[in-house]
């Protein structure tokens, strides 16, 4: 069964890298949607249904924590697992993401193996 995924990051290069890493991690990808920030992600989810979201924390307009809060407050999106992908060195924002309902997090730079480990039991 294929998995539709939304990748949210303000860097187009990181979005492409994450897509490649998902393939390397043997994730059975269906459609892959991309968004440059939280607002774009929410707009994308009005028309698309996904089974997983990978989101950066630091983005313009609406950051990953604001996006996560919005997702968890909507009935239609609150059950979608969200993995945060971040450069955040400190644990404050990471813990905030976990408290908001993130299914996990991966620090940049990441490997296919790290992504695969985080997705175990989720997908």
PDB file of N, CA and C in Angstrom:
ATOM      1  N   UNK A   1       0.843  -1.188   0.000  1.00  0.00           N
ATOM      2  CA  UNK A   1       0.000   0.000   0.000  1.00  0.00           C
ATOM      3  C   UNK A   1       0.883   1.245   0.000  1.00  0.00           C
ATOM      4  N   UNK A   2       0.615   2.158  -0.918  1.00  0.00           N
ATOM      5  CA  UNK A   2       1.452   3.351  -1.023  1.00  0.00           C
ATOM      6  C   UNK A   2       0.991   4.426  -0.043  1.00  0.00           C
ATOM      7  N   UNK A   3       1.939   5.287   0.305  1.00  0.00           N
ATOM      8  CA  UNK A   3       1.712   6.322   1.300  1.00  0.00           C
ATOM      9  C   UNK A   3       1.869   7.686   0.648  1.00  0.00           C
ATOM     10  N   UNK A   4       0.817   8.513   0.736  1.00  0.00           N
ATOM     11  CA  UNK A   4       0.912   9.890   0.263  1.00  0.00           C
ATOM     12  C   UNK A   4       1.543  10.724   1.378  1.00  0.00           C
ATOM     13  N   UNK A   5       2.512  11.560   0.996  1.00  0.00           N
ATOM     14  CA  UNK A   5       3.311  12.301   1.970  1.00  0.00           C
ATOM     15  C   UNK A   5       3.323  13.782   1.614  1.00  0.00           C
ATOM     16  N   UNK A   6       3.298  14.631   2.645  1.00  0.00           N
ATOM     17  CA  UNK A   6       3.474  16.072   2.476  1.00  0.00           C
ATOM     18  C   UNK A   6       4.802  16.452   3.122  1.00  0.00           C
ATOM     19  N   UNK A   7       5.680  17.072   2.337  1.00  0.00           N
ATOM     20  CA  UNK A   7       6.981  17.533   2.838  1.00  0.00           C
ATOM     21  C   UNK A   7       6.933  19.053   2.909  1.00  0.00           C
ATOM     22  N   UNK A   8       7.160  19.593   4.113  1.00  0.00           N
ATOM     23  CA  UNK A   8       7.052  21.031   4.342  1.00  0.00           C
ATOM     24  C   UNK A   8       8.413  21.571   4.779  1.00  0.00           C
ATOM     25  N   UNK A   9       9.022  22.390   3.932  1.00  0.00           N
ATOM     26  CA  UNK A   9      10.324  22.994   4.244  1.00  0.00           C
ATOM     27  C   UNK A   9      10.487  24.198   3.331  1.00  0.00           C
ATOM     28  N   UNK A  10      11.075  25.275   3.841  1.00  0.00           N
ATOM     29  CA  UNK A  10      11.250  26.457   3.008  1.00  0.00           C
ATOM     30  C   UNK A  10      12.382  26.288   1.996  1.00  0.00           C
ATOM     31  N   UNK A  11      13.130  25.213   2.075  1.00  0.00           N
ATOM     32  CA  UNK A  11      14.193  24.922   1.114  1.00  0.00           C
ATOM     33  C   UNK A  11      13.732  23.843   0.128  1.00  0.00           C
ATOM     34  N   UNK A  12      13.661  24.211  -1.154  1.00  0.00           N
ATOM     35  CA  UNK A  12      13.260  23.239  -2.181  1.00  0.00           C
ATOM     36  C   UNK A  12      14.265  22.091  -2.237  1.00  0.00           C
ATOM     37  N   UNK A  13      15.546  22.398  -2.007  1.00  0.00           N
ATOM     38  CA  UNK A  13      16.578  21.356  -2.034  1.00  0.00           C
ATOM     39  C   UNK A  13      16.344  20.330  -0.927  1.00  0.00           C
ATOM     40  N   UNK A  14      16.013  20.792   0.268  1.00  0.00           N
ATOM     41  CA  UNK A  14      15.743  19.872   1.382  1.00  0.00           C
ATOM     42  C   UNK A  14      14.506  19.030   1.083  1.00  0.00           C
ATOM     43  N   UNK A  15      13.483  19.626   0.463  1.00  0.00           N
ATOM     44  CA  UNK A  15      12.284  18.851   0.114  1.00  0.00           C
ATOM     45  C   UNK A  15      12.643  17.706  -0.833  1.00  0.00           C
ATOM     46  N   UNK A  16      13.492  17.985  -1.831  1.00  0.00           N
ATOM     47  CA  UNK A  16      13.907  16.941  -2.774  1.00  0.00           C
ATOM     48  C   UNK A  16      14.760  15.882  -2.076  1.00  0.00           C
ATOM     49  N   UNK A  17      15.653  16.317  -1.200  1.00  0.00           N
ATOM     50  CA  UNK A  17      16.493  15.369  -0.453  1.00  0.00           C
ATOM     51  C   UNK A  17      15.619  14.457   0.401  1.00  0.00           C
ATOM     52  N   UNK A  18      14.641  15.027   1.079  1.00  0.00           N
ATOM     53  CA  UNK A  18      13.741  14.212   1.910  1.00  0.00           C
ATOM     54  C   UNK A  18      12.979  13.195   1.072  1.00  0.00           C
ATOM     55  N   UNK A  19      12.561  13.598  -0.114  1.00  0.00           N
ATOM     56  CA  UNK A  19      11.855  12.664  -0.992  1.00  0.00           C
ATOM     57  C   UNK A  19      12.778  11.503  -1.371  1.00  0.00           C
ATOM     58  N   UNK A  20      14.033  11.817  -1.720  1.00  0.00           N
ATOM     59  CA  UNK A  20      15.000  10.762  -2.058  1.00  0.00           C
ATOM     60  C   UNK A  20      15.269   9.853  -0.861  1.00  0.00           C
ATOM     61  N   UNK A  21      15.379  10.452   0.321  1.00  0.00           N
ATOM     62  CA  UNK A  21      15.644   9.668   1.534  1.00  0.00           C
ATOM     63  C   UNK A  21      14.487   8.723   1.824  1.00  0.00           C
ATOM     64  N   UNK A  22      13.257   9.171   1.604  1.00  0.00           N
ATOM     65  CA  UNK A  22      12.097   8.296   1.809  1.00  0.00           C
ATOM     66  C   UNK A  22      12.169   7.086   0.874  1.00  0.00           C
ATOM     67  N   UNK A  23      12.587   7.328  -0.359  1.00  0.00           N
ATOM     68  CA  UNK A  23      12.732   6.226  -1.312  1.00  0.00           C
ATOM     69  C   UNK A  23      13.834   5.274  -0.849  1.00  0.00           C
ATOM     70  N   UNK A  24      14.977   5.835  -0.416  1.00  0.00           N
ATOM     71  CA  UNK A  24      16.090   5.014   0.085  1.00  0.00           C
ATOM     72  C   UNK A  24      15.693   4.220   1.322  1.00  0.00           C
ATOM     73  N   UNK A  25      14.747   4.778   2.100  1.00  0.00           N
ATOM     74  CA  UNK A  25      14.299   4.110   3.327  1.00  0.00           C
ATOM     75  C   UNK A  25      13.196   3.084   3.037  1.00  0.00           C
ATOM     76  N   UNK A  26      12.954   2.824   1.756  1.00  0.00           N
ATOM     77  CA  UNK A  26      11.959   1.830   1.324  1.00  0.00           C
ATOM     78  C   UNK A  26      10.535   2.171   1.742  1.00  0.00           C
ATOM     79  N   UNK A  27      10.227   3.466   1.863  1.00  0.00           N
ATOM     80  CA  UNK A  27       8.857   3.883   2.146  1.00  0.00           C
ATOM     81  C   UNK A  27       8.073   3.743   0.837  1.00  0.00           C
ATOM     82  N   UNK A  28       6.944   3.020   0.860  1.00  0.00           N
ATOM     83  CA  UNK A  28       6.153   2.828  -0.363  1.00  0.00           C
ATOM     84  C   UNK A  28       5.395   4.107  -0.729  1.00  0.00           C
ATOM     85  N   UNK A  29       6.098   5.030  -1.403  1.00  0.00           N
ATOM     86  CA  UNK A  29       5.532   6.341  -1.688  1.00  0.00           C
ATOM     87  C   UNK A  29       4.434   6.302  -2.735  1.00  0.00           C
ATOM     88  N   UNK A  30       3.389   7.058  -2.455  1.00  0.00           N
ATOM     89  CA  UNK A  30       2.352   7.340  -3.436  1.00  0.00           C
ATOM     90  C   UNK A  30       2.643   8.734  -3.958  1.00  0.00           C
ATOM     91  N   UNK A  31       1.708   9.639  -3.766  1.00  0.00           N
ATOM     92  CA  UNK A  31       1.921  11.034  -4.177  1.00  0.00           C
ATOM     93  C   UNK A  31       2.733  11.755  -3.118  1.00  0.00           C
ATOM     94  N   UNK A  32       3.625  12.615  -3.584  1.00  0.00           N
ATOM     95  CA  UNK A  32       4.413  13.450  -2.675  1.00  0.00           C
ATOM     96  C   UNK A  32       4.045  14.899  -2.952  1.00  0.00           C
ATOM     97  N   UNK A  33       3.528  15.558  -1.927  1.00  0.00           N
ATOM     98  CA  UNK A  33       3.158  16.964  -2.020  1.00  0.00           C
ATOM     99  C   UNK A  33       4.247  17.775  -1.331  1.00  0.00           C
ATOM    100  N   UNK A  34       4.436  19.007  -1.786  1.00  0.00           N
ATOM    101  CA  UNK A  34       5.447  19.876  -1.197  1.00  0.00           C
ATOM    102  C   UNK A  34       4.829  21.214  -0.834  1.00  0.00           C
ATOM    103  N   UNK A  35       5.342  21.794   0.263  1.00  0.00           N
ATOM    104  CA  UNK A  35       4.925  23.130   0.679  1.00  0.00           C
ATOM    105  C   UNK A  35       6.144  23.847   1.245  1.00  0.00           C
ATOM    106  N   UNK A  36       6.209  25.163   1.024  1.00  0.00           N
ATOM    107  CA  UNK A  36       7.341  25.953   1.469  1.00  0.00           C
ATOM    108  C   UNK A  36       7.195  26.514   2.867  1.00  0.00           C
ATOM    109  N   UNK A  37       5.989  26.434   3.431  1.00  0.00           N
ATOM    110  CA  UNK A  37       5.753  26.894   4.798  1.00  0.00           C
ATOM    111  C   UNK A  37       4.428  26.317   5.294  1.00  0.00           C
ATOM    112  N   UNK A  38       4.101  26.611   6.544  1.00  0.00           N
ATOM    113  CA  UNK A  38       2.895  26.062   7.149  1.00  0.00           C
ATOM    114  C   UNK A  38       1.613  26.473   6.463  1.00  0.00           C
ATOM    115  N   UNK A  39       1.543  27.725   5.989  1.00  0.00           N
ATOM    116  CA  UNK A  39       0.337  28.185   5.302  1.00  0.00           C
ATOM    117  C   UNK A  39       0.109  27.386   4.029  1.00  0.00           C
ATOM    118  N   UNK A  40       1.181  27.199   3.242  1.00  0.00           N
ATOM    119  CA  UNK A  40       1.057  26.407   2.019  1.00  0.00           C
ATOM    120  C   UNK A  40       0.638  24.974   2.346  1.00  0.00           C
ATOM    121  N   UNK A  41       1.169  24.438   3.427  1.00  0.00           N
ATOM    122  CA  UNK A  41       0.831  23.067   3.821  1.00  0.00           C
ATOM    123  C   UNK A  41      -0.657  22.948   4.136  1.00  0.00           C
ATOM    124  N   UNK A  42      -1.192  23.885   4.910  1.00  0.00           N
ATOM    125  CA  UNK A  42      -2.616  23.840   5.248  1.00  0.00           C
ATOM    126  C   UNK A  42      -3.482  23.982   3.997  1.00  0.00           C
ATOM    127  N   UNK A  43      -3.059  24.852   3.066  1.00  0.00           N
ATOM    128  CA  UNK A  43      -3.806  24.998   1.816  1.00  0.00           C
ATOM    129  C   UNK A  43      -3.763  23.711   1.005  1.00  0.00           C
ATOM    130  N   UNK A  44      -2.613  23.057   0.987  1.00  0.00           N
ATOM    131  CA  UNK A  44      -2.464  21.792   0.260  1.00  0.00           C
ATOM    132  C   UNK A  44      -3.397  20.725   0.842  1.00  0.00           C
ATOM    133  N   UNK A  45      -3.520  20.708   2.155  1.00  0.00           N
ATOM    134  CA  UNK A  45      -4.327  19.683   2.824  1.00  0.00           C
ATOM    135  C   UNK A  45      -5.834  19.893   2.645  1.00  0.00           C
ATOM    136  N   UNK A  46      -6.231  21.047   2.115  1.00  0.00           N
ATOM    137  CA  UNK A  46      -7.650  21.261   1.806  1.00  0.00           C
ATOM    138  C   UNK A  46      -8.070  20.368   0.643  1.00  0.00           C
ATOM    139  N   UNK A  47      -7.104  20.075  -0.262  1.00  0.00           N
ATOM    140  CA  UNK A  47      -7.397  19.299  -1.464  1.00  0.00           C
ATOM    141  C   UNK A  47      -6.768  17.911  -1.463  1.00  0.00           C
ATOM    142  N   UNK A  48      -5.832  17.671  -0.572  1.00  0.00           N
ATOM    143  CA  UNK A  48      -5.099  16.401  -0.584  1.00  0.00           C
ATOM    144  C   UNK A  48      -5.209  15.706   0.769  1.00  0.00           C
ATOM    145  N   UNK A  49      -5.233  14.403   0.716  1.00  0.00           N
ATOM    146  CA  UNK A  49      -5.235  13.600   1.937  1.00  0.00           C
ATOM    147  C   UNK A  49      -3.903  12.852   1.994  1.00  0.00           C
ATOM    148  N   UNK A  50      -3.186  13.004   3.102  1.00  0.00           N
ATOM    149  CA  UNK A  50      -1.882  12.355   3.224  1.00  0.00           C
ATOM    150  C   UNK A  50      -1.837  11.478   4.462  1.00  0.00           C
ATOM    151  N   UNK A  51      -0.908  10.539   4.456  1.00  0.00           N
ATOM    152  CA  UNK A  51      -0.746   9.638   5.591  1.00  0.00           C
ATOM    153  C   UNK A  51       0.449   9.968   6.453  1.00  0.00           C
ATOM    154  N   UNK A  52       1.243  10.976   6.024  1.00  0.00           N
ATOM    155  CA  UNK A  52       2.443  11.375   6.762  1.00  0.00           C
ATOM    156  C   UNK A  52       2.836  12.783   6.354  1.00  0.00           C
ATOM    157  N   UNK A  53       3.294  13.562   7.355  1.00  0.00           N
ATOM    158  CA  UNK A  53       3.830  14.896   7.086  1.00  0.00           C
ATOM    159  C   UNK A  53       5.227  14.972   7.683  1.00  0.00           C
ATOM    160  N   UNK A  54       6.178  15.426   6.878  1.00  0.00           N
ATOM    161  CA  UNK A  54       7.531  15.733   7.349  1.00  0.00           C
ATOM    162  C   UNK A  54       7.649  17.244   7.296  1.00  0.00           C
ATOM    163  N   UNK A  55       7.931  17.887   8.433  1.00  0.00           N
ATOM    164  CA  UNK A  55       7.938  19.345   8.461  1.00  0.00           C
ATOM    165  C   UNK A  55       9.152  19.902   9.183  1.00  0.00           C
ATOM    166  N   UNK A  56       9.730  20.933   8.573  1.00  0.00           N
ATOM    167  CA  UNK A  56      10.774  21.717   9.210  1.00  0.00           C
ATOM    168  C   UNK A  56      10.130  22.499  10.360  1.00  0.00           C
ATOM    169  N   UNK A  57      10.931  22.945  11.314  1.00  0.00           N
ATOM    170  CA  UNK A  57      10.399  23.799  12.379  1.00  0.00           C
ATOM    171  C   UNK A  57      10.528  25.268  11.985  1.00  0.00           C
ATOM    172  N   UNK A  58      11.722  25.678  11.531  1.00  0.00           N
ATOM    173  CA  UNK A  58      11.974  27.087  11.230  1.00  0.00           C
ATOM    174  C   UNK A  58      11.640  27.403   9.777  1.00  0.00           C
ATOM    175  N   UNK A  59      10.522  28.118   9.591  1.00  0.00           N
ATOM    176  CA  UNK A  59      10.084  28.542   8.258  1.00  0.00           C
ATOM    177  C   UNK A  59       9.438  29.917   8.372  1.00  0.00           C
ATOM    178  N   UNK A  60       9.410  30.672   7.256  1.00  0.00           N
ATOM    179  CA  UNK A  60       8.732  31.977   7.278  1.00  0.00           C
ATOM    180  C   UNK A  60       7.208  31.812   7.321  1.00  0.00           C
ATOM    181  N   UNK A  61       6.515  32.898   7.511  1.00  0.00           N
ATOM    182  CA  UNK A  61       5.046  32.969   7.559  1.00  0.00           C
ATOM    183  C   UNK A  61       4.475  32.146   8.701  1.00  0.00           C
ATOM    184  N   UNK A  62       4.438  30.824   8.550  1.00  0.00           N
ATOM    185  CA  UNK A  62       3.926  29.931   9.596  1.00  0.00           C
ATOM    186  C   UNK A  62       4.958  28.833   9.800  1.00  0.00           C
ATOM    187  N   UNK A  63       5.557  28.789  10.993  1.00  0.00           N
ATOM    188  CA  UNK A  63       6.600  27.796  11.224  1.00  0.00           C
ATOM    189  C   UNK A  63       6.005  26.415  11.521  1.00  0.00           C
ATOM    190  N   UNK A  64       6.871  25.440  11.692  1.00  0.00           N
ATOM    191  CA  UNK A  64       6.438  24.065  11.883  1.00  0.00           C
ATOM    192  C   UNK A  64       5.642  23.842  13.155  1.00  0.00           C
ATOM    193  N   UNK A  65       5.973  24.579  14.221  1.00  0.00           N
ATOM    194  CA  UNK A  65       5.217  24.423  15.475  1.00  0.00           C
ATOM    195  C   UNK A  65       3.809  24.984  15.330  1.00  0.00           C
ATOM    196  N   UNK A  66       3.680  26.119  14.652  1.00  0.00           N
ATOM    197  CA  UNK A  66       2.348  26.685  14.398  1.00  0.00           C
ATOM    198  C   UNK A  66       1.540  25.748  13.501  1.00  0.00           C
ATOM    199  N   UNK A  67       2.200  25.178  12.489  1.00  0.00           N
ATOM    200  CA  UNK A  67       1.537  24.220  11.609  1.00  0.00           C
ATOM    201  C   UNK A  67       1.066  23.009  12.409  1.00  0.00           C
ATOM    202  N   UNK A  68       1.936  22.474  13.239  1.00  0.00           N
ATOM    203  CA  UNK A  68       1.586  21.306  14.045  1.00  0.00           C
ATOM    204  C   UNK A  68       0.380  21.596  14.939  1.00  0.00           C
ATOM    205  N   UNK A  69       0.384  22.760  15.584  1.00  0.00           N
ATOM    206  CA  UNK A  69      -0.756  23.145  16.415  1.00  0.00           C
ATOM    207  C   UNK A  69      -2.047  23.223  15.619  1.00  0.00           C
ATOM    208  N   UNK A  70      -1.961  23.811  14.419  1.00  0.00           N
ATOM    209  CA  UNK A  70      -3.147  23.928  13.557  1.00  0.00           C
ATOM    210  C   UNK A  70      -3.640  22.546  13.127  1.00  0.00           C
ATOM    211  N   UNK A  71      -2.714  21.661  12.780  1.00  0.00           N
ATOM    212  CA  UNK A  71      -3.093  20.309  12.347  1.00  0.00           C
ATOM    213  C   UNK A  71      -3.793  19.549  13.458  1.00  0.00           C
ATOM    214  N   UNK A  72      -3.266  19.657  14.668  1.00  0.00           N
ATOM    215  CA  UNK A  72      -3.819  18.894  15.789  1.00  0.00           C
ATOM    216  C   UNK A  72      -5.150  19.462  16.278  1.00  0.00           C
ATOM    217  N   UNK A  73      -5.470  20.708  15.854  1.00  0.00           N
ATOM    218  CA  UNK A  73      -6.749  21.323  16.239  1.00  0.00           C
ATOM    219  C   UNK A  73      -7.850  21.116  15.213  1.00  0.00           C
ATOM    220  N   UNK A  74      -7.529  20.462  14.083  1.00  0.00           N
ATOM    221  CA  UNK A  74      -8.540  20.207  13.054  1.00  0.00           C
ATOM    222  C   UNK A  74      -8.884  18.726  13.041  1.00  0.00           C
ATOM    223  N   UNK A  75     -10.137  18.431  13.066  1.00  0.00           N
ATOM    224  CA  UNK A  75     -10.601  17.044  13.073  1.00  0.00           C
ATOM    225  C   UNK A  75     -10.061  16.253  11.879  1.00  0.00           C
ATOM    226  N   UNK A  76     -10.031  16.900  10.710  1.00  0.00           N
ATOM    227  CA  UNK A  76      -9.629  16.197   9.488  1.00  0.00           C
ATOM    228  C   UNK A  76      -8.133  15.899   9.413  1.00  0.00           C
ATOM    229  N   UNK A  77      -7.313  16.591  10.224  1.00  0.00           N
ATOM    230  CA  UNK A  77      -5.859  16.412  10.128  1.00  0.00           C
ATOM    231  C   UNK A  77      -5.196  15.969  11.430  1.00  0.00           C
ATOM    232  N   UNK A  78      -5.940  15.919  12.521  1.00  0.00           N
ATOM    233  CA  UNK A  78      -5.279  15.677  13.804  1.00  0.00           C
ATOM    234  C   UNK A  78      -4.668  14.282  13.950  1.00  0.00           C
ATOM    235  N   UNK A  79      -5.103  13.321  13.154  1.00  0.00           N
ATOM    236  CA  UNK A  79      -4.555  11.968  13.286  1.00  0.00           C
ATOM    237  C   UNK A  79      -3.384  11.692  12.329  1.00  0.00           C
ATOM    238  N   UNK A  80      -3.020  12.678  11.493  1.00  0.00           N
ATOM    239  CA  UNK A  80      -1.892  12.477  10.573  1.00  0.00           C
ATOM    240  C   UNK A  80      -0.585  12.539  11.368  1.00  0.00           C
ATOM    241  N   UNK A  81       0.255  11.505  11.270  1.00  0.00           N
ATOM    242  CA  UNK A  81       1.538  11.567  11.974  1.00  0.00           C
ATOM    243  C   UNK A  81       2.443  12.640  11.356  1.00  0.00           C
ATOM    244  N   UNK A  82       3.072  13.424  12.233  1.00  0.00           N
ATOM    245  CA  UNK A  82       3.958  14.494  11.793  1.00  0.00           C
ATOM    246  C   UNK A  82       5.347  14.241  12.383  1.00  0.00           C
ATOM    247  N   UNK A  83       6.344  14.162  11.497  1.00  0.00           N
ATOM    248  CA  UNK A  83       7.738  14.046  11.921  1.00  0.00           C
ATOM    249  C   UNK A  83       8.379  15.407  11.682  1.00  0.00           C
ATOM    250  N   UNK A  84       8.967  15.979  12.714  1.00  0.00           N
ATOM    251  CA  UNK A  84       9.643  17.263  12.582  1.00  0.00           C
ATOM    252  C   UNK A  84      11.081  17.008  12.134  1.00  0.00           C
ATOM    253  N   UNK A  85      11.527  17.782  11.154  1.00  0.00           N
ATOM    254  CA  UNK A  85      12.890  17.687  10.644  1.00  0.00           C
ATOM    255  C   UNK A  85      13.514  19.052  10.908  1.00  0.00           C
ATOM    256  N   UNK A  86      14.561  19.098  11.732  1.00  0.00           N
ATOM    257  CA  UNK A  86      15.009  20.394  12.216  1.00  0.00           C
ATOM    258  C   UNK A  86      16.510  20.524  12.366  1.00  0.00           C
ATOM    259  N   UNK A  87      16.967  21.760  12.316  1.00  0.00           N
ATOM    260  CA  UNK A  87      18.361  22.076  12.627  1.00  0.00           C
ATOM    261  C   UNK A  87      18.473  22.514  14.082  1.00  0.00           C
ATOM    262  N   UNK A  88      17.353  22.589  14.776  1.00  0.00           N
ATOM    263  CA  UNK A  88      17.339  23.042  16.166  1.00  0.00           C
ATOM    264  C   UNK A  88      18.285  22.209  17.017  1.00  0.00           C
ATOM    265  N   UNK A  89      19.259  22.865  17.609  1.00  0.00           N
ATOM    266  CA  UNK A  89      20.194  22.161  18.476  1.00  0.00           C
ATOM    267  C   UNK A  89      19.640  21.998  19.880  1.00  0.00           C
ATOM    268  N   UNK A  90      18.887  23.000  20.327  1.00  0.00           N
ATOM    269  CA  UNK A  90      18.330  22.954  21.674  1.00  0.00           C
ATOM    270  C   UNK A  90      17.108  22.059  21.741  1.00  0.00           C
ATOM    271  N   UNK A  91      16.830  21.597  22.918  1.00  0.00           N
ATOM    272  CA  UNK A  91      15.710  20.669  23.071  1.00  0.00           C
ATOM    273  C   UNK A  91      14.373  21.376  23.307  1.00  0.00           C
ATOM    274  N   UNK A  92      14.387  22.686  23.534  1.00  0.00           N
ATOM    275  CA  UNK A  92      13.145  23.396  23.860  1.00  0.00           C
ATOM    276  C   UNK A  92      12.106  23.272  22.752  1.00  0.00           C
ATOM    277  N   UNK A  93      12.483  23.613  21.528  1.00  0.00           N
ATOM    278  CA  UNK A  93      11.517  23.552  20.423  1.00  0.00           C
ATOM    279  C   UNK A  93      11.150  22.110  20.092  1.00  0.00           C
ATOM    280  N   UNK A  94      12.115  21.212  20.208  1.00  0.00           N
ATOM    281  CA  UNK A  94      11.836  19.801  19.940  1.00  0.00           C
ATOM    282  C   UNK A  94      10.825  19.277  20.953  1.00  0.00           C
ATOM    283  N   UNK A  95      11.018  19.613  22.229  1.00  0.00           N
ATOM    284  CA  UNK A  95      10.071  19.173  23.264  1.00  0.00           C
ATOM    285  C   UNK A  95       8.704  19.819  23.056  1.00  0.00           C
ATOM    286  N   UNK A  96       8.693  21.064  22.613  1.00  0.00           N
ATOM    287  CA  UNK A  96       7.428  21.735  22.314  1.00  0.00           C
ATOM    288  C   UNK A  96       6.688  20.987  21.206  1.00  0.00           C
ATOM    289  N   UNK A  97       7.437  20.554  20.180  1.00  0.00           N
ATOM    290  CA  UNK A  97       6.834  19.806  19.075  1.00  0.00           C
ATOM    291  C   UNK A  97       6.249  18.484  19.577  1.00  0.00           C
ATOM    292  N   UNK A  98       6.986  17.781  20.418  1.00  0.00           N
ATOM    293  CA  UNK A  98       6.499  16.511  20.972  1.00  0.00           C
ATOM    294  C   UNK A  98       5.246  16.759  21.819  1.00  0.00           C
ATOM    295  N   UNK A  99       5.274  17.814  22.621  1.00  0.00           N
ATOM    296  CA  UNK A  99       4.103  18.140  23.456  1.00  0.00           C
ATOM    297  C   UNK A  99       2.895  18.521  22.617  1.00  0.00           C
ATOM    298  N   UNK A 100       3.126  19.103  21.434  1.00  0.00           N
ATOM    299  CA  UNK A 100       2.021  19.464  20.542  1.00  0.00           C
ATOM    300  C   UNK A 100       1.467  18.257  19.790  1.00  0.00           C
ATOM    301  N   UNK A 101       2.197  17.132  19.847  1.00  0.00           N
ATOM    302  CA  UNK A 101       1.682  15.930  19.205  1.00  0.00           C
ATOM    303  C   UNK A 101       2.511  15.385  18.059  1.00  0.00           C
ATOM    304  N   UNK A 102       3.742  15.884  17.893  1.00  0.00           N
ATOM    305  CA  UNK A 102       4.598  15.340  16.836  1.00  0.00           C
ATOM    306  C   UNK A 102       4.869  13.866  17.114  1.00  0.00           C
ATOM    307  N   UNK A 103       4.906  13.078  16.050  1.00  0.00           N
ATOM    308  CA  UNK A 103       5.164  11.641  16.188  1.00  0.00           C
ATOM    309  C   UNK A 103       6.647  11.368  16.405  1.00  0.00           C
ATOM    310  N   UNK A 104       7.489  12.366  16.149  1.00  0.00           N
ATOM    311  CA  UNK A 104       8.924  12.220  16.334  1.00  0.00           C
ATOM    312  C   UNK A 104       9.650  13.358  15.658  1.00  0.00           C
ATOM    313  N   UNK A 105      10.981  13.314  15.715  1.00  0.00           N
ATOM    314  CA  UNK A 105      11.776  14.346  15.070  1.00  0.00           C
ATOM    315  C   UNK A 105      13.105  13.766  14.622  1.00  0.00           C
ATOM    316  N   UNK A 106      13.684  14.409  13.620  1.00  0.00           N
ATOM    317  CA  UNK A 106      14.991  14.048  13.092  1.00  0.00           C
ATOM    318  C   UNK A 106      15.775  15.343  12.947  1.00  0.00           C
ATOM    319  N   UNK A 107      17.034  15.321  13.374  1.00  0.00           N
ATOM    320  CA  UNK A 107      17.868  16.508  13.234  1.00  0.00           C
ATOM    321  C   UNK A 107      18.591  16.504  11.878  1.00  0.00           C
ATOM    322  N   UNK A 108      18.679  17.699  11.268  1.00  0.00           N
ATOM    323  CA  UNK A 108      19.466  17.863  10.044  1.00  0.00           C
ATOM    324  C   UNK A 108      20.925  18.000  10.455  1.00  0.00           C
ATOM    325  N   UNK A 109      21.884  17.458   9.725  1.00  0.00           N
ATOM    326  CA  UNK A 109      21.709  16.574   8.581  1.00  0.00           C
ATOM    327  C   UNK A 109      21.267  15.185   9.040  1.00  0.00           C
ATOM    328  N   UNK A 110      20.527  14.507   8.201  1.00  0.00           N
ATOM    329  CA  UNK A 110      19.956  13.203   8.569  1.00  0.00           C
ATOM    330  C   UNK A 110      20.365  12.170   7.529  1.00  0.00           C
ATOM    331  N   UNK A 111      20.187  10.910   7.896  1.00  0.00           N
ATOM    332  CA  UNK A 111      20.475   9.812   6.963  1.00  0.00           C
ATOM    333  C   UNK A 111      19.178   9.070   6.673  1.00  0.00           C
ATOM    334  N   UNK A 112      19.209   8.273   5.616  1.00  0.00           N
ATOM    335  CA  UNK A 112      18.042   7.455   5.279  1.00  0.00           C
ATOM    336  C   UNK A 112      17.721   6.523   6.444  1.00  0.00           C
ATOM    337  N   UNK A 113      18.757   6.009   7.096  1.00  0.00           N
ATOM    338  CA  UNK A 113      18.557   5.083   8.219  1.00  0.00           C
ATOM    339  C   UNK A 113      17.833   5.772   9.378  1.00  0.00           C
ATOM    340  N   UNK A 114      18.186   7.034   9.670  1.00  0.00           N
ATOM    341  CA  UNK A 114      17.510   7.769  10.746  1.00  0.00           C
ATOM    342  C   UNK A 114      16.038   7.988  10.419  1.00  0.00           C
ATOM    343  N   UNK A 115      15.752   8.325   9.166  1.00  0.00           N
ATOM    344  CA  UNK A 115      14.355   8.518   8.748  1.00  0.00           C
ATOM    345  C   UNK A 115      13.608   7.190   8.863  1.00  0.00           C
ATOM    346  N   UNK A 116      14.231   6.126   8.417  1.00  0.00           N
ATOM    347  CA  UNK A 116      13.608   4.796   8.473  1.00  0.00           C
ATOM    348  C   UNK A 116      13.284   4.413   9.915  1.00  0.00           C
ATOM    349  N   UNK A 117      14.225   4.675  10.837  1.00  0.00           N
ATOM    350  CA  UNK A 117      14.000   4.374  12.259  1.00  0.00           C
ATOM    351  C   UNK A 117      12.811   5.161  12.814  1.00  0.00           C
ATOM    352  N   UNK A 118      12.711   6.440  12.457  1.00  0.00           N
ATOM    353  CA  UNK A 118      11.611   7.273  12.956  1.00  0.00           C
ATOM    354  C   UNK A 118      10.262   6.814  12.414  1.00  0.00           C
ATOM    355  N   UNK A 119      10.272   6.290  11.198  1.00  0.00           N
ATOM    356  CA  UNK A 119       9.021   5.876  10.570  1.00  0.00           C
ATOM    357  C   UNK A 119       8.575   4.484  11.013  1.00  0.00           C
ATOM    358  N   UNK A 120       9.472   3.725  11.616  1.00  0.00           N
ATOM    359  CA  UNK A 120       9.115   2.377  12.089  1.00  0.00           C
ATOM    360  C   UNK A 120       7.968   2.477  13.082  1.00  0.00           C
ATOM    361  N   UNK A 121       6.919   1.749  12.820  1.00  0.00           N
ATOM    362  CA  UNK A 121       5.762   1.775  13.712  1.00  0.00           C
ATOM    363  C   UNK A 121       4.764   2.878  13.393  1.00  0.00           C
ATOM    364  N   UNK A 122       5.181   3.830  12.520  1.00  0.00           N
ATOM    365  CA  UNK A 122       4.276   4.913  12.144  1.00  0.00           C
ATOM    366  C   UNK A 122       3.625   4.609  10.808  1.00  0.00           C
ATOM    367  N   UNK A 123       4.437   4.143   9.847  1.00  0.00           N
ATOM    368  CA  UNK A 123       3.917   3.836   8.509  1.00  0.00           C
ATOM    369  C   UNK A 123       4.028   2.348   8.240  1.00  0.00           C
TER     370      UNK A 123
END
